[in-house]
Amino acid sequence: METEDIVEEKEKNKGKRKNKREIEKEESKKKKIITIILLILVFLISLSALFILVIYKQEKIIGFIKNDKILVNTEYKDKDFSICYGTIVNCKKVEVEKSGEVDTKKLGEYTITYKYKINNKEKELKKVVKVYDDIKPEIVVDEELSFCKNGNVGKGKYHATDNYDGDITDKVKLTIEGDKSYLEVLDSSGNRGSIEVDALEFTSDPTISLNGESNMYIIVGSKYTDLGAKASDVCDGDITDKIVVTGVVDSNKAGTYTITYSIENSDGKKAEIKRVVTVQTRSVVANGSSCSKMGAIYLTFDDGPQNGTTDKILNILNEEGVKATFFVTSNGPDSLIKREYDEGHVVALHTSTHNYAKIYASVDAYFNDLYTIQNRVKRITGFESKIIRFPGGSSNTVSRKYQKGIMTTLTSEVLNRGFRYHDWNVDSEDAGRCSSSASSSCVYSNVVGGLSKNRCNMVLMHDIKYYTRDALRDIIKFGKENGYTFEVITMDTPMVTQRVNN
């Protein structure tokens, strides 16, 4: 017979077995649910993948670089890239339109734009290409160098070149570090070139030169304006501001004055130059006797050159062995001016236009005209003429019509600018009363009748007049037979001038 304890134990074991079966049953149920969920998830994922692969469309950009760079002066090639639109399994290429260029010869940033369409909607990409320079400039020593105390090159030669800037020799600087010296240069991109050099010491001599002529002439009572000088030194550079000027000009008193310009450089070396200023009285026409060569005949011709007259006059002068002074204009062929110069005659300046209204409108207008004819003569001959004759002469009154007092100003100003002007004291009248008859005998009579042994004879003629041409040989023969000499006007010839009337 079982005891109560045994019965109770059996009941407990029976309950445990029942609970275990229930638990196992519940776990099996959970596994089934999880399996179903997993199957559903796999289905959904597979369905999504199928949608992406076959149905979903998208834009794809492959190989595009937003920022690029290229070395200056090299060829730039745009890197390939592609754009497609569609599904993963069927992505169709999109046409791209490119705009913008890269100038590889010029530093900077350049933008290239790529435009395309997706579903008729315009889109674009932008690329920035930087053209850069990282190449160092090169310095080459051509001749052994010596340096000034301030670091400037005293002797020798070198040059510096850059792949982008070209010649940058003027940017080279000397740097001294301890017992070593370097020539250094920076290009516009900041690249530095440097070489070591021997820093031999050099001292230099200053140079000084005058502005304007070394000999100037002014009329008593006119204003003297000093034109100054300029000075430079290999080591010190421009030292014009250190020039010391000594000497004065009393423009109210006739005489010869000397102005001295002196300079001293940082090495204590000196240089000087002088200018001689002559203050003189005006000569008087007809009875003037200021010329130093008494009995001399100065044959002067205005208004040429001209074919048919000037060339024939040159033939006569050559055959007679006589030299003359030609006050030329901008008319006629260059070849005649060249011939005048080559055959030893003096080519002087008259006017470019001979248009009184234009020439005497102002001081600037006069000098514009004068410099035009001066430049013509220099172009043809290589010589810068500074001997002039005013249109109408310095005593003309027609200039009053255009500018009151202009001749008073001009007769002083031309001297201040280094010119010498000449009027005449013998008038051939070939542009006056002889022109109506066009008579060579009239010209001859006026000239020989106006000659004097007691003065110099500044003869006014015009080489554009054929009757003057025809009278010339007889005038020369008269001069030779009667003891006259023939001279040309130079910068040292005392001026024969008339009284200024305006």
Protein backbone atom coordinates (compact mmCIF):
# COMPACT_ATOMS: atom_id res chain seq x y z
CA MET A 1 0.00 0.00 0.00
CA GLU A 2 1.46 3.31 -1.18
CA THR A 3 2.04 6.02 1.24
CA GLU A 4 0.68 9.54 0.76
CA ASP A 5 4.17 10.84 -0.06
CA ILE A 6 4.61 8.46 -2.95
CA VAL A 7 1.24 9.42 -4.42
CA GLU A 8 2.04 13.08 -4.18
CA GLU A 9 5.41 12.57 -5.99
CA LYS A 10 3.74 10.73 -8.83
CA GLU A 11 1.26 13.53 -9.34
CA LYS A 12 4.06 16.06 -9.55
CA ASN A 13 5.93 14.06 -12.24
CA LYS A 14 2.75 13.66 -14.22
CA GLY A 15 2.30 17.50 -14.25
CA LYS A 16 5.85 18.05 -15.38
CA ARG A 17 5.45 15.79 -18.40
CA LYS A 18 2.23 17.62 -19.37
CA ASN A 19 3.99 21.06 -19.21
CA LYS A 20 6.90 19.84 -21.33
CA ARG A 21 4.59 18.74 -24.15
CA GLU A 22 2.79 22.05 -24.09
CA ILE A 23 6.07 23.94 -24.26
CA GLU A 24 7.31 21.89 -27.18
CA LYS A 25 4.00 22.44 -28.94
CA GLU A 26 4.26 26.23 -28.48
CA GLU A 27 7.88 26.33 -29.71
CA SER A 28 6.91 24.44 -32.87
CA LYS A 29 4.17 26.94 -33.51
CA LYS A 30 6.60 29.88 -33.15
CA LYS A 31 9.03 28.30 -35.64
CA LYS A 32 6.28 27.99 -38.19
CA ILE A 33 5.36 31.68 -37.75
CA ILE A 34 9.01 32.76 -38.10
CA THR A 35 9.41 30.66 -41.23
CA ILE A 36 6.33 32.25 -42.77
CA ILE A 37 7.63 35.75 -41.95
CA LEU A 38 11.02 34.97 -43.45
CA LEU A 39 9.40 33.67 -46.60
CA ILE A 40 7.34 36.82 -46.87
CA LEU A 41 10.47 39.00 -46.41
CA VAL A 42 12.37 37.06 -49.06
CA PHE A 43 9.47 37.54 -51.42
CA LEU A 44 9.29 41.27 -50.78
CA ILE A 45 13.05 41.69 -51.19
CA SER A 46 13.00 39.70 -54.40
CA LEU A 47 10.11 41.79 -55.63
CA SER A 48 12.02 45.03 -54.81
CA ALA A 49 15.15 43.80 -56.54
CA LEU A 50 13.10 42.92 -59.58
CA PHE A 51 11.61 46.45 -59.52
CA ILE A 52 15.06 48.09 -59.36
CA LEU A 53 16.52 45.91 -62.07
CA VAL A 54 13.67 46.01 -64.51
CA ILE A 55 11.35 48.91 -63.70
CA TYR A 56 13.08 51.72 -61.66
CA LYS A 57 14.97 54.29 -63.81
CA GLN A 58 17.81 56.52 -62.62
CA GLU A 59 20.59 58.90 -63.84
CA LYS A 60 24.18 57.69 -63.61
CA ILE A 61 27.31 59.89 -64.08
CA ILE A 62 30.47 57.88 -64.55
CA GLY A 63 34.04 59.30 -64.51
CA PHE A 64 33.20 63.02 -64.13
CA ILE A 65 35.85 65.17 -62.38
CA LYS A 66 34.59 68.44 -60.96
CA ASN A 67 38.02 70.09 -60.59
CA ASP A 68 41.03 69.62 -62.86
CA LYS A 69 44.37 71.33 -63.49
CA ILE A 70 46.91 71.64 -66.30
CA LEU A 71 50.46 73.02 -66.53
CA VAL A 72 50.69 76.26 -68.52
CA ASN A 73 51.79 75.93 -72.16
CA THR A 74 50.91 72.25 -72.32
CA GLU A 75 48.06 70.61 -74.21
CA TYR A 76 44.85 70.12 -72.28
CA LYS A 77 42.76 67.05 -73.03
CA ASP A 78 39.34 66.82 -71.44
CA LYS A 79 38.94 63.59 -69.49
CA ASP A 80 36.22 61.27 -70.80
CA PHE A 81 33.09 60.67 -68.76
CA SER A 82 29.59 59.39 -69.52
CA ILE A 83 25.99 59.97 -68.46
CA CYS A 84 23.24 57.38 -68.84
CA TYR A 85 19.59 57.19 -67.84
CA GLY A 86 17.50 54.05 -67.32
CA THR A 87 17.39 50.86 -65.31
CA ILE A 88 20.38 48.96 -64.07
CA VAL A 89 20.02 46.41 -66.82
CA ASN A 90 19.13 48.97 -69.51
CA CYS A 91 20.83 52.40 -68.93
CA LYS A 92 20.94 54.40 -72.18
CA LYS A 93 23.71 56.94 -72.92
CA VAL A 94 22.68 60.63 -72.83
CA GLU A 95 24.04 63.15 -75.39
CA VAL A 96 26.11 65.93 -73.77
CA GLU A 97 26.75 69.39 -75.23
CA LYS A 98 30.06 70.96 -74.15
CA SER A 99 30.87 74.69 -73.99
CA GLY A 100 33.87 76.65 -72.74
CA GLU A 101 37.57 76.54 -73.59
CA VAL A 102 40.80 76.28 -71.64
CA ASP A 103 43.54 78.72 -72.72
CA THR A 104 46.63 76.87 -71.60
CA LYS A 105 48.82 79.83 -72.60
CA LYS A 106 47.32 82.00 -69.88
CA LEU A 107 47.22 81.34 -66.14
CA GLY A 108 43.84 81.27 -64.51
CA GLU A 109 40.72 79.21 -63.87
CA TYR A 110 38.44 78.22 -66.74
CA THR A 111 34.93 76.79 -66.52
CA ILE A 112 33.65 74.11 -68.89
CA THR A 113 29.92 73.52 -68.95
CA TYR A 114 28.25 70.24 -70.01
CA LYS A 115 24.52 70.42 -70.78
CA TYR A 116 22.17 67.46 -71.25
CA LYS A 117 18.49 66.54 -70.98
CA ILE A 118 16.70 63.94 -68.85
CA ASN A 119 12.98 63.54 -69.60
CA ASN A 120 13.09 66.88 -71.48
CA LYS A 121 14.43 68.63 -68.40
CA GLU A 122 17.67 70.55 -68.98
CA LYS A 123 20.55 69.79 -66.66
CA GLU A 124 24.22 70.79 -66.55
CA LEU A 125 27.55 69.96 -64.97
CA LYS A 126 30.40 72.41 -64.48
CA LYS A 127 34.09 71.67 -64.37
CA VAL A 128 36.74 74.18 -63.22
CA VAL A 129 40.15 73.74 -64.85
CA LYS A 130 43.07 75.60 -63.31
CA VAL A 131 46.01 76.49 -65.56
CA TYR A 132 49.00 76.69 -63.24
CA ASP A 133 52.75 77.27 -63.39
CA ASP A 134 55.17 75.64 -60.99
CA ILE A 135 58.33 75.75 -63.12
CA LYS A 136 61.20 77.79 -61.73
CA PRO A 137 62.69 80.58 -63.86
CA GLU A 138 66.28 80.17 -65.04
CA ILE A 139 69.19 82.59 -64.56
CA VAL A 140 72.25 82.33 -66.80
CA VAL A 141 75.48 84.32 -66.39
CA ASP A 142 76.79 85.38 -69.81
CA GLU A 143 79.87 87.33 -68.68
CA GLU A 144 81.74 87.43 -65.38
CA LEU A 145 79.92 89.71 -62.95
CA SER A 146 81.04 92.48 -60.65
CA PHE A 147 78.67 94.14 -58.20
CA CYS A 148 78.30 97.61 -56.77
CA LYS A 149 78.11 98.24 -53.04
CA ASN A 150 74.34 98.66 -53.31
CA GLY A 151 73.92 95.30 -55.03
CA ASN A 152 73.47 96.52 -58.59
CA VAL A 153 75.46 94.82 -61.33
CA GLY A 154 78.44 96.93 -62.28
CA LYS A 155 79.99 94.83 -65.03
CA GLY A 156 79.15 91.64 -66.82
CA LYS A 157 75.94 90.24 -68.18
CA TYR A 158 73.29 87.77 -67.18
CA HIS A 159 69.77 86.99 -68.28
CA ALA A 160 66.74 85.37 -66.74
CA THR A 161 63.96 83.59 -68.58
CA ASP A 162 60.72 82.02 -67.49
CA ASN A 163 58.55 79.45 -69.24
CA TYR A 164 55.54 81.78 -68.87
CA ASP A 165 56.81 85.35 -68.35
CA GLY A 166 59.60 85.19 -70.92
CA ASP A 167 62.51 87.57 -70.29
CA ILE A 168 62.49 88.67 -66.64
CA THR A 169 66.07 89.86 -66.43
CA ASP A 170 64.92 93.20 -64.99
CA LYS A 171 63.44 91.39 -61.97
CA VAL A 172 66.71 89.74 -60.89
CA LYS A 173 68.05 90.78 -57.47
CA LEU A 174 71.32 90.13 -55.68
CA THR A 175 71.08 88.51 -52.24
CA ILE A 176 74.08 88.20 -49.93
CA GLU A 177 73.99 85.63 -47.13
CA GLY A 178 77.17 85.53 -45.12
CA ASP A 179 80.06 84.84 -47.50
CA LYS A 180 77.78 83.66 -50.31
CA SER A 181 75.97 85.69 -52.96
CA TYR A 182 72.98 84.70 -55.04
CA LEU A 183 71.13 86.05 -58.02
CA GLU A 184 67.46 85.45 -57.44
CA VAL A 185 64.30 86.07 -59.41
CA LEU A 186 60.59 85.49 -58.87
CA ASP A 187 58.22 84.90 -61.74
CA SER A 188 54.62 86.11 -61.73
CA SER A 189 53.49 82.81 -60.23
CA GLY A 190 55.86 83.11 -57.29
CA ASN A 191 58.31 80.48 -58.50
CA ARG A 192 61.86 81.33 -57.43
CA GLY A 193 65.00 80.81 -59.48
CA SER A 194 68.42 81.21 -57.87
CA ILE A 195 72.11 80.69 -58.66
CA GLU A 196 75.21 81.32 -56.59
CA VAL A 197 77.66 83.92 -57.97
CA ASP A 198 80.94 85.56 -57.02
CA ALA A 199 80.31 89.08 -55.68
CA LEU A 200 83.34 91.01 -56.94
CA GLU A 201 83.31 94.70 -55.95
CA PHE A 202 82.81 97.36 -58.65
CA THR A 203 82.95 101.15 -58.69
CA SER A 204 81.56 103.30 -61.50
CA ASP A 205 81.95 106.74 -63.06
CA PRO A 206 78.84 108.93 -63.38
CA THR A 207 77.71 110.23 -66.77
CA ILE A 208 76.03 113.56 -67.40
CA SER A 209 74.42 115.00 -70.52
CA LEU A 210 72.63 118.19 -71.43
CA ASN A 211 68.97 118.58 -72.22
CA GLY A 212 68.98 120.62 -75.43
CA GLU A 213 71.97 122.16 -77.16
CA SER A 214 75.40 122.81 -75.71
CA ASN A 215 75.34 126.23 -77.38
CA MET A 216 72.24 128.38 -76.98
CA TYR A 217 71.47 131.83 -78.36
CA ILE A 218 68.95 134.31 -77.04
CA ILE A 219 68.11 137.92 -77.85
CA VAL A 220 68.82 140.66 -75.32
CA GLY A 221 65.74 141.24 -73.19
CA SER A 222 64.21 137.81 -73.79
CA LYS A 223 63.71 135.26 -71.06
CA TYR A 224 66.34 132.56 -70.59
CA THR A 225 64.96 129.19 -69.52
CA ASP A 226 67.54 126.68 -68.41
CA LEU A 227 66.87 123.27 -69.94
CA GLY A 228 68.91 121.43 -67.33
CA ALA A 229 70.79 118.17 -67.64
CA LYS A 230 70.41 114.54 -66.70
CA ALA A 231 72.82 112.23 -64.93
CA SER A 232 73.06 108.52 -64.31
CA ASP A 233 75.43 106.04 -62.78
CA VAL A 234 75.76 102.29 -63.27
CA CYS A 235 75.62 101.70 -59.53
CA ASP A 236 73.41 104.60 -58.36
CA GLY A 237 70.98 104.67 -61.27
CA ASP A 238 69.28 107.99 -62.07
CA ILE A 239 71.01 110.74 -60.08
CA THR A 240 69.67 113.76 -61.98
CA ASP A 241 68.29 115.19 -58.73
CA LYS A 242 71.86 115.40 -57.37
CA ILE A 243 73.15 117.68 -60.15
CA VAL A 244 74.63 120.98 -58.93
CA VAL A 245 74.22 123.92 -61.33
CA THR A 246 76.54 126.93 -61.23
CA GLY A 247 76.63 130.06 -63.38
CA VAL A 248 73.99 132.62 -64.34
CA VAL A 249 72.78 134.21 -67.57
CA ASP A 250 72.01 137.94 -67.64
CA SER A 251 69.54 138.03 -70.52
CA ASN A 252 69.49 141.85 -70.40
CA LYS A 253 73.16 142.15 -71.25
CA ALA A 254 74.85 140.97 -74.46
CA GLY A 255 77.66 138.51 -73.87
CA THR A 256 78.66 134.89 -73.53
CA TYR A 257 77.76 132.98 -70.36
CA THR A 258 78.73 129.51 -69.17
CA ILE A 259 76.49 127.23 -67.12
CA THR A 260 78.23 124.28 -65.44
CA TYR A 261 76.43 121.10 -64.36
CA SER A 262 78.32 118.90 -61.83
CA ILE A 263 77.54 115.51 -60.34
CA GLU A 264 79.16 113.26 -57.72
CA ASN A 265 78.17 109.61 -57.22
CA SER A 266 78.12 107.52 -54.03
CA ASP A 267 81.73 106.43 -54.67
CA GLY A 268 82.86 110.06 -54.68
CA LYS A 269 83.55 110.12 -58.42
CA LYS A 270 82.65 113.30 -60.29
CA ALA A 271 81.62 114.48 -63.75
CA GLU A 272 80.60 117.80 -65.25
CA ILE A 273 79.36 119.35 -68.48
CA LYS A 274 78.97 122.93 -69.65
CA ARG A 275 76.51 124.91 -71.73
CA VAL A 276 77.45 128.18 -73.45
CA VAL A 277 74.64 130.73 -73.72
CA THR A 278 75.14 133.69 -76.06
CA VAL A 279 72.99 136.75 -75.44
CA GLN A 280 73.07 138.92 -78.55
CA THR A 281 71.42 141.98 -79.99
CA ARG A 282 69.19 141.72 -83.04
CA SER A 283 70.72 142.47 -86.43
CA VAL A 284 69.11 145.17 -88.55
CA VAL A 285 67.91 144.26 -92.02
CA ALA A 286 69.45 146.01 -95.09
CA ASN A 287 72.05 147.98 -93.13
CA GLY A 288 72.89 145.31 -90.56
CA SER A 289 76.54 144.47 -90.12
CA SER A 290 76.50 141.85 -87.39
CA CYS A 291 77.83 139.03 -89.60
CA SER A 292 81.45 138.25 -88.84
CA LYS A 293 82.24 137.48 -92.50
CA MET A 294 82.08 140.81 -94.28
CA GLY A 295 81.46 140.62 -97.99
CA ALA A 296 80.08 137.08 -97.73
CA ILE A 297 77.04 136.09 -99.77
CA TYR A 298 74.61 133.62 -98.23
CA LEU A 299 72.44 132.24 -101.04
CA THR A 300 69.22 131.05 -99.37
CA PHE A 301 66.20 129.42 -101.02
CA ASP A 302 62.70 129.10 -99.54
CA ASP A 303 59.61 126.99 -100.27
CA GLY A 304 61.19 124.02 -102.07
CA PRO A 305 62.02 121.48 -103.11
CA GLN A 306 60.41 121.29 -106.54
CA ASN A 307 61.18 119.23 -109.60
CA GLY A 308 62.23 121.34 -112.58
CA THR A 309 63.68 124.18 -110.53
CA THR A 310 65.44 122.83 -107.42
CA ASP A 311 67.21 120.11 -109.37
CA LYS A 312 68.42 122.63 -111.97
CA ILE A 313 69.56 125.02 -109.23
CA LEU A 314 71.56 122.17 -107.68
CA ASN A 315 73.17 121.52 -111.06
CA ILE A 316 74.24 125.18 -111.35
CA LEU A 317 75.59 125.29 -107.78
CA ASN A 318 77.57 122.12 -108.42
CA GLU A 319 79.02 123.45 -111.68
CA GLU A 320 79.98 126.76 -110.04
CA GLY A 321 81.39 125.13 -106.89
CA VAL A 322 79.09 127.13 -104.60
CA LYS A 323 77.15 125.94 -101.55
CA ALA A 324 73.76 127.31 -100.49
CA THR A 325 71.15 127.05 -97.72
CA PHE A 326 67.73 125.57 -98.52
CA PHE A 327 64.80 126.36 -96.18
CA VAL A 328 62.57 123.44 -97.09
CA THR A 329 58.88 122.58 -96.73
CA SER A 330 56.89 119.35 -96.87
CA ASN A 331 56.44 119.78 -100.62
CA GLY A 332 58.45 118.08 -103.33
CA PRO A 333 60.21 114.71 -103.47
CA ASP A 334 62.43 113.33 -100.70
CA SER A 335 65.14 112.69 -103.28
CA LEU A 336 65.82 116.41 -103.78
CA ILE A 337 66.24 117.05 -100.05
CA LYS A 338 68.56 114.04 -99.89
CA ARG A 339 70.53 115.43 -102.83
CA GLU A 340 70.83 118.87 -101.20
CA TYR A 341 72.25 117.26 -98.08
CA ASP A 342 74.54 114.81 -99.88
CA GLU A 343 76.04 117.56 -102.05
CA GLY A 344 77.11 119.58 -99.00
CA HIS A 345 74.40 122.21 -98.91
CA VAL A 346 72.65 123.13 -95.66
CA VAL A 347 69.11 121.82 -95.32
CA ALA A 348 67.29 124.28 -93.04
CA LEU A 349 63.64 124.45 -91.96
CA HIS A 350 60.96 126.78 -93.30
CA THR A 351 57.51 125.32 -92.68
CA SER A 352 55.54 122.17 -93.32
CA THR A 353 52.33 123.73 -94.62
CA HIS A 354 53.07 127.43 -95.27
CA ASN A 355 49.49 128.01 -94.12
CA TYR A 356 49.64 131.25 -92.11
CA ALA A 357 46.20 130.77 -90.54
CA LYS A 358 47.24 127.35 -89.26
CA ILE A 359 50.84 128.12 -88.33
CA TYR A 360 50.24 131.34 -86.41
CA ALA A 361 47.04 130.25 -84.66
CA SER A 362 49.05 129.53 -81.47
CA VAL A 363 52.53 128.79 -80.20
CA ASP A 364 51.73 125.08 -80.09
CA ALA A 365 50.42 125.20 -83.66
CA TYR A 366 53.64 126.82 -84.87
CA PHE A 367 55.85 124.22 -83.22
CA ASN A 368 53.70 121.34 -84.41
CA ASP A 369 54.27 122.61 -87.96
CA LEU A 370 57.99 123.17 -87.35
CA TYR A 371 58.58 119.75 -85.81
CA THR A 372 56.75 118.12 -88.72
CA ILE A 373 59.21 119.49 -91.26
CA GLN A 374 62.14 118.86 -88.90
CA ASN A 375 61.11 115.20 -88.66
CA ARG A 376 60.88 114.96 -92.45
CA VAL A 377 64.42 116.25 -92.88
CA LYS A 378 65.73 113.91 -90.20
CA ARG A 379 63.96 110.94 -91.75
CA ILE A 380 65.50 111.68 -95.14
CA THR A 381 69.00 112.76 -94.10
CA GLY A 382 69.48 111.42 -90.58
CA PHE A 383 70.39 114.99 -89.57
CA GLU A 384 68.36 117.06 -87.08
CA SER A 385 68.30 120.56 -88.52
CA LYS A 386 67.78 123.50 -86.14
CA ILE A 387 68.25 126.45 -88.49
CA ILE A 388 64.90 128.01 -89.36
CA ARG A 389 63.21 130.85 -91.23
CA PHE A 390 59.75 131.98 -90.19
CA PRO A 391 57.09 131.96 -92.92
CA GLY A 392 56.90 135.64 -93.89
CA GLY A 393 60.00 136.37 -91.81
CA SER A 394 60.14 137.39 -88.15
CA SER A 395 58.90 140.88 -89.08
CA ASN A 396 55.68 139.66 -90.70
CA THR A 397 52.45 141.41 -89.76
CA VAL A 398 50.03 138.87 -91.21
CA SER A 399 50.38 136.86 -87.99
CA ARG A 400 48.50 139.65 -86.11
CA LYS A 401 45.36 138.47 -87.86
CA TYR A 402 45.60 135.10 -86.13
CA GLN A 403 47.37 135.74 -82.80
CA LYS A 404 48.37 139.12 -81.46
CA GLY A 405 51.97 139.23 -80.18
CA ILE A 406 52.82 135.72 -81.36
CA MET A 407 56.01 136.72 -83.20
CA THR A 408 57.39 138.36 -80.06
CA THR A 409 56.84 135.06 -78.24
CA LEU A 410 58.08 132.82 -81.03
CA THR A 411 61.32 134.70 -81.71
CA SER A 412 62.31 134.05 -78.09
CA GLU A 413 60.87 130.58 -77.72
CA VAL A 414 62.61 129.11 -80.79
CA LEU A 415 65.92 130.18 -79.28
CA ASN A 416 65.00 128.66 -75.93
CA ARG A 417 64.32 125.38 -77.72
CA GLY A 418 67.73 125.36 -79.37
CA PHE A 419 66.85 126.74 -82.83
CA ARG A 420 68.49 129.62 -84.71
CA TYR A 421 66.40 131.78 -87.01
CA HIS A 422 67.48 133.94 -89.95
CA ASP A 423 65.71 136.60 -91.97
CA TRP A 424 67.43 138.42 -94.86
CA ASN A 425 68.98 141.74 -95.77
CA VAL A 426 68.97 141.28 -99.57
CA ASP A 427 65.59 140.56 -101.18
CA SER A 428 65.53 139.20 -104.72
CA GLU A 429 61.84 140.18 -104.96
CA ASP A 430 61.22 136.92 -106.84
CA ALA A 431 58.05 136.49 -104.77
CA GLY A 432 57.27 140.21 -105.00
CA ARG A 433 57.46 142.72 -107.83
CA CYS A 434 59.52 140.40 -110.07
CA SER A 435 56.79 137.76 -110.00
CA SER A 436 54.42 139.80 -112.17
CA SER A 437 56.91 139.94 -115.03
CA ALA A 438 58.55 136.59 -114.20
CA SER A 439 61.79 138.26 -115.19
CA SER A 440 65.17 136.74 -114.42
CA SER A 441 66.82 140.11 -115.09
CA CYS A 442 64.60 141.65 -112.38
CA VAL A 443 65.80 139.07 -109.88
CA TYR A 444 69.42 139.58 -110.94
CA SER A 445 69.22 143.37 -110.58
CA ASN A 446 67.65 143.21 -107.11
CA VAL A 447 70.27 140.83 -105.80
CA VAL A 448 73.45 142.41 -107.17
CA GLY A 449 72.08 145.87 -106.38
CA GLY A 450 71.62 144.91 -102.73
CA LEU A 451 75.08 143.42 -102.14
CA SER A 452 77.61 145.20 -99.95
CA LYS A 453 81.24 144.49 -99.03
CA ASN A 454 80.69 146.13 -95.64
CA ARG A 455 78.45 143.44 -94.22
CA CYS A 456 77.36 139.87 -94.78
CA ASN A 457 74.65 139.50 -97.43
CA MET A 458 71.76 137.20 -96.56
CA VAL A 459 69.97 136.80 -99.90
CA LEU A 460 66.33 135.73 -100.00
CA MET A 461 65.30 133.68 -103.05
CA HIS A 462 62.79 130.92 -103.81
CA ASP A 463 63.85 127.71 -105.54
CA ILE A 464 60.32 127.15 -106.84
CA LYS A 465 60.65 130.11 -109.25
CA TYR A 466 61.98 129.25 -112.71
CA TYR A 467 63.10 132.86 -113.33
CA THR A 468 65.17 132.71 -110.13
CA ARG A 469 66.74 129.53 -111.44
CA ASP A 470 67.54 131.34 -114.69
CA ALA A 471 69.13 134.29 -112.86
CA LEU A 472 71.28 132.25 -110.48
CA ARG A 473 74.36 131.62 -112.63
CA ASP A 474 74.78 135.30 -113.46
CA ILE A 475 74.40 136.25 -109.77
CA ILE A 476 77.16 133.81 -108.83
CA LYS A 477 79.44 135.09 -111.62
CA PHE A 478 78.91 138.68 -110.45
CA GLY A 479 79.85 137.71 -106.90
CA LYS A 480 83.00 135.91 -107.96
CA GLU A 481 84.11 138.71 -110.31
CA ASN A 482 83.63 141.35 -107.63
CA GLY A 483 85.50 139.70 -104.76
CA TYR A 484 82.60 138.26 -102.77
CA THR A 485 82.72 134.88 -101.07
CA PHE A 486 79.90 132.38 -100.72
CA GLU A 487 78.96 130.86 -97.37
CA VAL A 488 76.30 128.62 -95.86
CA ILE A 489 74.42 129.26 -92.62
CA THR A 490 75.59 127.22 -89.63
CA MET A 491 74.59 127.21 -85.96
CA ASP A 492 77.52 129.58 -85.32
CA THR A 493 76.49 132.11 -87.98
CA PRO A 494 75.36 135.34 -86.26
CA MET A 495 71.66 135.77 -86.89
CA VAL A 496 70.50 138.37 -89.41
CA THR A 497 67.07 139.28 -88.09
CA GLN A 498 64.48 141.94 -88.77
CA ARG A 499 62.50 144.05 -86.33
CA VAL A 500 59.58 142.15 -84.87
CA ASN A 501 56.27 143.88 -85.67
CA ASN A 502 53.90 141.60 -83.77
